[in-house]
């Protein structure tokens, strides 16, 4: 086997390995290909009190109403539960959990539907050490709605943790 044949074989193996990696592991490193899903904001995080770090795919009204009442339990009156048609719509909720200060945000930036799952991209923002923030407990979260989709696909969350600095 001459040098050019060996080089060609090595390149072919490398190309095969790269393609295999992207097909098998691409979604878990943020390289998903698929259809961008439009989504609608349901709650940008106005409530409070959900102390745990969690992600939910909400597919029924019973769980949705229970979660809403928990989020707004300290409000008087409690805002009306947003209507959702769970035969054609699903809610996706992302919670940071309790934080010891203000200046934290959660933002769902993109949802992609692949052949095997949904990939939800989340920016989770935290203040840097030099930021002046309120000294109050906060509970950053966001809830969005997607519709007209396959209801049975699992959801994968990919986080982009952003620590912003203040001047």
C-alpha atoms as a PDB file:
ATOM      1  CA  UNK A   1       0.000   0.000   0.000  1.00  0.00           C
ATOM      2  CA  UNK A   2       1.575   3.292  -1.066  1.00  0.00           C
ATOM      3  CA  UNK A   3       1.568   6.550   0.958  1.00  0.00           C
ATOM      4  CA  UNK A   4      -1.370   8.141  -0.925  1.00  0.00           C
ATOM      5  CA  UNK A   5      -3.543   5.054  -0.350  1.00  0.00           C
ATOM      6  CA  UNK A   6      -2.704   5.103   3.367  1.00  0.00           C
ATOM      7  CA  UNK A   7      -3.532   8.823   3.566  1.00  0.00           C
ATOM      8  CA  UNK A   8      -6.843   8.279   1.762  1.00  0.00           C
ATOM      9  CA  UNK A   9      -7.732   5.392   4.099  1.00  0.00           C
ATOM     10  CA  UNK A  10      -6.863   7.491   7.161  1.00  0.00           C
ATOM     11  CA  UNK A  11      -9.002  10.395   5.932  1.00  0.00           C
ATOM     12  CA  UNK A  12     -11.913   8.042   5.190  1.00  0.00           C
ATOM     13  CA  UNK A  13     -11.706   6.579   8.721  1.00  0.00           C
ATOM     14  CA  UNK A  14     -11.592  10.082  10.264  1.00  0.00           C
ATOM     15  CA  UNK A  15     -14.616  11.240   8.236  1.00  0.00           C
ATOM     16  CA  UNK A  16     -16.516   8.099   9.261  1.00  0.00           C
ATOM     17  CA  UNK A  17     -15.681   8.683  12.947  1.00  0.00           C
ATOM     18  CA  UNK A  18     -16.716  12.352  12.858  1.00  0.00           C
ATOM     19  CA  UNK A  19     -20.022  11.563  11.151  1.00  0.00           C
ATOM     20  CA  UNK A  20     -20.697   8.735  13.610  1.00  0.00           C
ATOM     21  CA  UNK A  21     -19.977  11.050  16.547  1.00  0.00           C
ATOM     22  CA  UNK A  22     -22.328  13.745  15.255  1.00  0.00           C
ATOM     23  CA  UNK A  23     -25.126  11.267  14.598  1.00  0.00           C
ATOM     24  CA  UNK A  24     -24.799   9.508  17.958  1.00  0.00           C
ATOM     25  CA  UNK A  25     -23.783  12.317  20.298  1.00  0.00           C
ATOM     26  CA  UNK A  26     -24.603  15.558  18.485  1.00  0.00           C
ATOM     27  CA  UNK A  27     -27.797  16.346  20.446  1.00  0.00           C
ATOM     28  CA  UNK A  28     -26.048  15.995  23.799  1.00  0.00           C
ATOM     29  CA  UNK A  29     -23.377  18.538  22.847  1.00  0.00           C
ATOM     30  CA  UNK A  30     -25.787  21.038  21.324  1.00  0.00           C
ATOM     31  CA  UNK A  31     -25.416  19.965  17.695  1.00  0.00           C
ATOM     32  CA  UNK A  32     -28.994  18.934  17.044  1.00  0.00           C
ATOM     33  CA  UNK A  33     -30.403  19.037  13.594  1.00  0.00           C
ATOM     34  CA  UNK A  34     -34.128  19.049  13.252  1.00  0.00           C
ATOM     35  CA  UNK A  35     -37.087  21.346  13.062  1.00  0.00           C
ATOM     36  CA  UNK A  36     -37.181  24.571  15.059  1.00  0.00           C
ATOM     37  CA  UNK A  37     -40.393  24.569  17.050  1.00  0.00           C
ATOM     38  CA  UNK A  38     -42.230  27.803  17.650  1.00  0.00           C
ATOM     39  CA  UNK A  39     -43.195  28.247  21.274  1.00  0.00           C
ATOM     40  CA  UNK A  40     -45.324  30.671  23.227  1.00  0.00           C
ATOM     41  CA  UNK A  41     -44.522  32.169  26.619  1.00  0.00           C
ATOM     42  CA  UNK A  42     -47.020  31.071  29.262  1.00  0.00           C
ATOM     43  CA  UNK A  43     -45.247  32.341  32.390  1.00  0.00           C
ATOM     44  CA  UNK A  44     -41.909  34.202  32.347  1.00  0.00           C
ATOM     45  CA  UNK A  45     -41.358  33.470  36.028  1.00  0.00           C
ATOM     46  CA  UNK A  46     -43.651  35.903  37.814  1.00  0.00           C
ATOM     47  CA  UNK A  47     -44.648  33.480  40.550  1.00  0.00           C
ATOM     48  CA  UNK A  48     -42.463  32.183  43.313  1.00  0.00           C
ATOM     49  CA  UNK A  49     -42.064  29.396  45.781  1.00  0.00           C
ATOM     50  CA  UNK A  50     -40.870  26.474  43.636  1.00  0.00           C
ATOM     51  CA  UNK A  51     -37.757  25.681  45.639  1.00  0.00           C
ATOM     52  CA  UNK A  52     -36.400  22.691  43.711  1.00  0.00           C
ATOM     53  CA  UNK A  53     -34.310  22.661  40.564  1.00  0.00           C
ATOM     54  CA  UNK A  54     -36.526  20.854  38.059  1.00  0.00           C
ATOM     55  CA  UNK A  55     -37.672  20.468  34.475  1.00  0.00           C
ATOM     56  CA  UNK A  56     -41.182  19.388  33.561  1.00  0.00           C
ATOM     57  CA  UNK A  57     -43.019  18.358  30.466  1.00  0.00           C
ATOM     58  CA  UNK A  58     -46.605  19.088  31.473  1.00  0.00           C
ATOM     59  CA  UNK A  59     -49.131  17.016  29.575  1.00  0.00           C
ATOM     60  CA  UNK A  60     -52.278  17.159  31.690  1.00  0.00           C
ATOM     61  CA  UNK A  61     -54.497  19.713  33.329  1.00  0.00           C
ATOM     62  CA  UNK A  62     -54.383  18.234  36.817  1.00  0.00           C
ATOM     63  CA  UNK A  63     -50.620  18.616  37.161  1.00  0.00           C
ATOM     64  CA  UNK A  64     -50.723  22.036  35.455  1.00  0.00           C
ATOM     65  CA  UNK A  65     -53.333  23.427  37.837  1.00  0.00           C
ATOM     66  CA  UNK A  66     -51.498  22.038  40.862  1.00  0.00           C
ATOM     67  CA  UNK A  67     -48.199  23.568  39.736  1.00  0.00           C
ATOM     68  CA  UNK A  68     -49.843  26.937  39.013  1.00  0.00           C
ATOM     69  CA  UNK A  69     -51.470  27.056  42.443  1.00  0.00           C
ATOM     70  CA  UNK A  70     -48.103  26.260  44.039  1.00  0.00           C
ATOM     71  CA  UNK A  71     -46.339  28.991  42.051  1.00  0.00           C
ATOM     72  CA  UNK A  72     -48.894  31.659  42.944  1.00  0.00           C
ATOM     73  CA  UNK A  73     -49.870  30.500  46.447  1.00  0.00           C
ATOM     74  CA  UNK A  74     -48.625  33.755  47.995  1.00  0.00           C
ATOM     75  CA  UNK A  75     -50.705  35.990  45.718  1.00  0.00           C
ATOM     76  CA  UNK A  76     -54.129  37.334  46.558  1.00  0.00           C
ATOM     77  CA  UNK A  77     -56.052  36.769  44.428  1.00  0.00           C
ATOM     78  CA  UNK A  78     -54.298  33.895  42.658  1.00  0.00           C
ATOM     79  CA  UNK A  79     -54.175  34.634  38.904  1.00  0.00           C
ATOM     80  CA  UNK A  80     -56.382  32.451  36.734  1.00  0.00           C
ATOM     81  CA  UNK A  81     -54.658  29.305  35.442  1.00  0.00           C
ATOM     82  CA  UNK A  82     -53.776  29.871  31.751  1.00  0.00           C
ATOM     83  CA  UNK A  83     -55.868  27.647  29.485  1.00  0.00           C
ATOM     84  CA  UNK A  84     -54.041  24.825  27.711  1.00  0.00           C
ATOM     85  CA  UNK A  85     -55.527  22.287  25.297  1.00  0.00           C
ATOM     86  CA  UNK A  86     -53.557  19.198  26.267  1.00  0.00           C
ATOM     87  CA  UNK A  87     -54.819  17.218  23.271  1.00  0.00           C
ATOM     88  CA  UNK A  88     -52.680  19.413  20.994  1.00  0.00           C
ATOM     89  CA  UNK A  89     -50.410  21.405  23.328  1.00  0.00           C
ATOM     90  CA  UNK A  90     -47.667  20.623  25.828  1.00  0.00           C
ATOM     91  CA  UNK A  91     -46.028  22.861  28.401  1.00  0.00           C
ATOM     92  CA  UNK A  92     -42.306  22.856  29.105  1.00  0.00           C
ATOM     93  CA  UNK A  93     -41.222  24.291  32.453  1.00  0.00           C
ATOM     94  CA  UNK A  94     -37.674  24.971  33.668  1.00  0.00           C
ATOM     95  CA  UNK A  95     -36.956  25.889  37.299  1.00  0.00           C
ATOM     96  CA  UNK A  96     -33.611  26.981  38.799  1.00  0.00           C
ATOM     97  CA  UNK A  97     -34.830  26.425  42.329  1.00  0.00           C
ATOM     98  CA  UNK A  98     -34.441  28.862  45.196  1.00  0.00           C
ATOM     99  CA  UNK A  99     -31.680  31.487  44.893  1.00  0.00           C
ATOM    100  CA  UNK A 100     -30.390  33.662  47.729  1.00  0.00           C
ATOM    101  CA  UNK A 101     -30.561  36.929  45.769  1.00  0.00           C
ATOM    102  CA  UNK A 102     -32.024  38.698  42.790  1.00  0.00           C
ATOM    103  CA  UNK A 103     -30.266  38.886  39.449  1.00  0.00           C
ATOM    104  CA  UNK A 104     -30.960  35.303  38.315  1.00  0.00           C
ATOM    105  CA  UNK A 105     -32.980  34.491  35.163  1.00  0.00           C
ATOM    106  CA  UNK A 106     -34.083  31.453  33.233  1.00  0.00           C
ATOM    107  CA  UNK A 107     -34.779  31.777  29.513  1.00  0.00           C
ATOM    108  CA  UNK A 108     -35.781  29.055  27.062  1.00  0.00           C
ATOM    109  CA  UNK A 109     -34.137  30.229  23.844  1.00  0.00           C
ATOM    110  CA  UNK A 110     -34.860  27.465  21.348  1.00  0.00           C
ATOM    111  CA  UNK A 111     -36.734  24.192  20.986  1.00  0.00           C
ATOM    112  CA  UNK A 112     -35.823  21.716  18.260  1.00  0.00           C
ATOM    113  CA  UNK A 113     -37.783  18.610  17.314  1.00  0.00           C
ATOM    114  CA  UNK A 114     -35.581  15.778  16.050  1.00  0.00           C
ATOM    115  CA  UNK A 115     -36.681  12.324  14.917  1.00  0.00           C
ATOM    116  CA  UNK A 116     -36.238  10.990  18.445  1.00  0.00           C
ATOM    117  CA  UNK A 117     -36.840  13.846  20.897  1.00  0.00           C
ATOM    118  CA  UNK A 118     -37.234  17.517  21.634  1.00  0.00           C
ATOM    119  CA  UNK A 119     -34.115  19.469  22.540  1.00  0.00           C
ATOM    120  CA  UNK A 120     -34.798  22.492  24.759  1.00  0.00           C
ATOM    121  CA  UNK A 121     -32.030  25.094  24.972  1.00  0.00           C
ATOM    122  CA  UNK A 122     -32.005  27.063  28.207  1.00  0.00           C
ATOM    123  CA  UNK A 123     -29.954  30.120  29.163  1.00  0.00           C
ATOM    124  CA  UNK A 124     -29.500  30.187  32.916  1.00  0.00           C
ATOM    125  CA  UNK A 125     -28.112  33.550  34.007  1.00  0.00           C
ATOM    126  CA  UNK A 126     -26.394  34.330  37.304  1.00  0.00           C
ATOM    127  CA  UNK A 127     -24.896  37.583  38.596  1.00  0.00           C
ATOM    128  CA  UNK A 128     -21.126  37.804  39.015  1.00  0.00           C
ATOM    129  CA  UNK A 129     -19.475  38.594  42.351  1.00  0.00           C
ATOM    130  CA  UNK A 130     -19.331  42.345  41.661  1.00  0.00           C
ATOM    131  CA  UNK A 131     -23.037  42.774  40.914  1.00  0.00           C
ATOM    132  CA  UNK A 132     -25.315  44.653  43.260  1.00  0.00           C
ATOM    133  CA  UNK A 133     -28.397  42.474  43.663  1.00  0.00           C
ATOM    134  CA  UNK A 134     -31.410  42.466  45.926  1.00  0.00           C
ATOM    135  CA  UNK A 135     -31.008  40.469  49.121  1.00  0.00           C
ATOM    136  CA  UNK A 136     -34.187  38.471  48.720  1.00  0.00           C
ATOM    137  CA  UNK A 137     -34.947  34.864  47.865  1.00  0.00           C
ATOM    138  CA  UNK A 138     -35.865  34.389  44.206  1.00  0.00           C
ATOM    139  CA  UNK A 139     -37.169  31.420  42.238  1.00  0.00           C
ATOM    140  CA  UNK A 140     -36.242  31.884  38.558  1.00  0.00           C
ATOM    141  CA  UNK A 141     -38.216  29.832  36.076  1.00  0.00           C
ATOM    142  CA  UNK A 142     -39.951  29.927  32.719  1.00  0.00           C
ATOM    143  CA  UNK A 143     -42.896  28.024  31.256  1.00  0.00           C
ATOM    144  CA  UNK A 144     -43.573  27.838  27.510  1.00  0.00           C
ATOM    145  CA  UNK A 145     -46.126  26.082  25.304  1.00  0.00           C
ATOM    146  CA  UNK A 146     -45.571  24.118  22.100  1.00  0.00           C
ATOM    147  CA  UNK A 147     -48.369  22.786  19.914  1.00  0.00           C
ATOM    148  CA  UNK A 148     -49.223  20.633  16.930  1.00  0.00           C
ATOM    149  CA  UNK A 149     -46.450  18.151  17.584  1.00  0.00           C
ATOM    150  CA  UNK A 150     -45.938  14.477  18.372  1.00  0.00           C
ATOM    151  CA  UNK A 151     -46.909  14.210  22.025  1.00  0.00           C
ATOM    152  CA  UNK A 152     -44.862  11.109  22.756  1.00  0.00           C
ATOM    153  CA  UNK A 153     -41.319  12.416  22.186  1.00  0.00           C
ATOM    154  CA  UNK A 154     -39.016  12.697  25.225  1.00  0.00           C
ATOM    155  CA  UNK A 155     -37.461  16.065  26.086  1.00  0.00           C
ATOM    156  CA  UNK A 156     -33.731  16.737  26.522  1.00  0.00           C
ATOM    157  CA  UNK A 157     -32.524  19.960  28.153  1.00  0.00           C
ATOM    158  CA  UNK A 158     -29.253  21.652  27.227  1.00  0.00           C
ATOM    159  CA  UNK A 159     -28.134  24.426  29.549  1.00  0.00           C
ATOM    160  CA  UNK A 160     -25.985  27.424  28.765  1.00  0.00           C
ATOM    161  CA  UNK A 161     -24.842  28.781  32.149  1.00  0.00           C
ATOM    162  CA  UNK A 162     -24.052  32.484  31.904  1.00  0.00           C
ATOM    163  CA  UNK A 163     -22.380  34.424  34.707  1.00  0.00           C
ATOM    164  CA  UNK A 164     -22.642  38.086  33.820  1.00  0.00           C
ATOM    165  CA  UNK A 165     -20.337  40.685  35.287  1.00  0.00           C
ATOM    166  CA  UNK A 166     -21.410  44.123  36.428  1.00  0.00           C
ATOM    167  CA  UNK A 167     -19.345  47.300  36.316  1.00  0.00           C
END
